[in-house]
Amino acid sequence: MKDLKAFFIGVGVFILGFIIAGTLAELFSGNNPERSYYHLIFFSILYLSAVVTTLGIKVLEEIRSDDNK
């Protein structure tokens, strides 16, 4: 159950970031290759934030469970 909670929070962070990216997509529109690189960097950071959030939740849960023992 704890794994599912962390997974859903990570997915939620990713979806929220995707919505924000969609609203900011006009900044990256155009034929300029530099903008496509910025777009890739932005989505890489978005993916990384979802992974870090998920792993951070798991680490905190482990720390809390060790404190309760």
C-alpha atoms as a PDB file:
ATOM      1  CA  MET A   1       0.000   0.000   0.000  1.00  0.00           C
ATOM      2  CA  LYS A   2       2.850   2.370   0.811  1.00  0.00           C
ATOM      3  CA  ASP A   3       4.405   1.669  -2.572  1.00  0.00           C
ATOM      4  CA  LEU A   4       1.182   2.555  -4.329  1.00  0.00           C
ATOM      5  CA  LYS A   5       0.895   5.800  -2.390  1.00  0.00           C
ATOM      6  CA  ALA A   6       4.406   6.853  -3.421  1.00  0.00           C
ATOM      7  CA  PHE A   7       3.700   5.801  -7.001  1.00  0.00           C
ATOM      8  CA  PHE A   8       0.489   7.820  -7.197  1.00  0.00           C
ATOM      9  CA  ILE A   9       2.116  10.894  -5.706  1.00  0.00           C
ATOM     10  CA  GLY A  10       4.940  10.611  -8.243  1.00  0.00           C
ATOM     11  CA  VAL A  11       2.433  10.265 -11.064  1.00  0.00           C
ATOM     12  CA  GLY A  12       0.509  13.227  -9.678  1.00  0.00           C
ATOM     13  CA  VAL A  13       3.652  15.369  -9.664  1.00  0.00           C
ATOM     14  CA  PHE A  14       4.368  14.323 -13.240  1.00  0.00           C
ATOM     15  CA  ILE A  15       0.816  15.097 -14.409  1.00  0.00           C
ATOM     16  CA  LEU A  16       0.796  18.451 -12.630  1.00  0.00           C
ATOM     17  CA  GLY A  17       4.111  19.295 -14.255  1.00  0.00           C
ATOM     18  CA  PHE A  18       2.772  18.158 -17.610  1.00  0.00           C
ATOM     19  CA  ILE A  19      -0.203  20.499 -17.246  1.00  0.00           C
ATOM     20  CA  ILE A  20       2.099  23.371 -16.343  1.00  0.00           C
ATOM     21  CA  ALA A  21       4.331  22.500 -19.291  1.00  0.00           C
ATOM     22  CA  GLY A  22       1.315  22.478 -21.572  1.00  0.00           C
ATOM     23  CA  THR A  23       0.363  25.954 -20.520  1.00  0.00           C
ATOM     24  CA  LEU A  24       3.921  27.162 -21.010  1.00  0.00           C
ATOM     25  CA  ALA A  25       4.352  25.361 -24.342  1.00  0.00           C
ATOM     26  CA  GLU A  26       4.003  28.603 -26.247  1.00  0.00           C
ATOM     27  CA  LEU A  27       7.450  29.569 -24.985  1.00  0.00           C
ATOM     28  CA  PHE A  28       8.912  26.563 -26.788  1.00  0.00           C
ATOM     29  CA  SER A  29       6.959  26.801 -30.021  1.00  0.00           C
ATOM     30  CA  GLY A  30       8.710  27.691 -33.226  1.00  0.00           C
ATOM     31  CA  ASN A  31      11.256  26.228 -35.592  1.00  0.00           C
ATOM     32  CA  ASN A  32      14.308  27.269 -33.618  1.00  0.00           C
ATOM     33  CA  PRO A  33      16.372  24.170 -32.676  1.00  0.00           C
ATOM     34  CA  GLU A  34      17.468  25.798 -29.434  1.00  0.00           C
ATOM     35  CA  ARG A  35      13.900  25.841 -28.236  1.00  0.00           C
ATOM     36  CA  SER A  36      13.533  22.126 -28.844  1.00  0.00           C
ATOM     37  CA  TYR A  37      16.622  21.539 -26.677  1.00  0.00           C
ATOM     38  CA  TYR A  38      15.082  23.669 -23.948  1.00  0.00           C
ATOM     39  CA  HIS A  39      11.906  21.644 -24.305  1.00  0.00           C
ATOM     40  CA  LEU A  40      13.825  18.382 -23.809  1.00  0.00           C
ATOM     41  CA  ILE A  41      15.663  19.785 -20.808  1.00  0.00           C
ATOM     42  CA  PHE A  42      12.410  20.988 -19.286  1.00  0.00           C
ATOM     43  CA  PHE A  43      10.713  17.596 -19.597  1.00  0.00           C
ATOM     44  CA  SER A  44      13.810  15.836 -18.269  1.00  0.00           C
ATOM     45  CA  ILE A  45      13.679  18.018 -15.175  1.00  0.00           C
ATOM     46  CA  LEU A  46       9.960  17.320 -14.908  1.00  0.00           C
ATOM     47  CA  TYR A  47      10.555  13.561 -15.003  1.00  0.00           C
ATOM     48  CA  LEU A  48      13.390  13.872 -12.495  1.00  0.00           C
ATOM     49  CA  SER A  49      11.158  15.794 -10.085  1.00  0.00           C
ATOM     50  CA  ALA A  50       8.578  13.001 -10.168  1.00  0.00           C
ATOM     51  CA  VAL A  51      11.254  10.378  -9.476  1.00  0.00           C
ATOM     52  CA  VAL A  52      12.822  12.400  -6.652  1.00  0.00           C
ATOM     53  CA  THR A  53       9.410  12.983  -5.071  1.00  0.00           C
ATOM     54  CA  THR A  54       8.591   9.279  -5.156  1.00  0.00           C
ATOM     55  CA  LEU A  55      11.952   8.234  -3.745  1.00  0.00           C
ATOM     56  CA  GLY A  56      11.841  10.974  -1.120  1.00  0.00           C
ATOM     57  CA  ILE A  57       8.504   9.658   0.122  1.00  0.00           C
ATOM     58  CA  LYS A  58       9.893   6.138   0.351  1.00  0.00           C
ATOM     59  CA  VAL A  59      12.986   7.306   2.260  1.00  0.00           C
ATOM     60  CA  LEU A  60      10.892   9.304   4.729  1.00  0.00           C
ATOM     61  CA  GLU A  61       8.587   6.339   5.302  1.00  0.00           C
ATOM     62  CA  GLU A  62      11.592   4.117   6.032  1.00  0.00           C
ATOM     63  CA  ILE A  63      13.031   6.665   8.470  1.00  0.00           C
ATOM     64  CA  ARG A  64       9.702   6.937  10.258  1.00  0.00           C
ATOM     65  CA  SER A  65       9.284   3.176  10.450  1.00  0.00           C
ATOM     66  CA  ASP A  66      12.814   2.800  11.894  1.00  0.00           C
ATOM     67  CA  ASP A  67      12.053   5.434  14.541  1.00  0.00           C
ATOM     68  CA  ASN A  68       8.966   3.500  15.647  1.00  0.00           C
ATOM     69  CA  LYS A  69      10.940   0.306  16.351  1.00  0.00           C
END
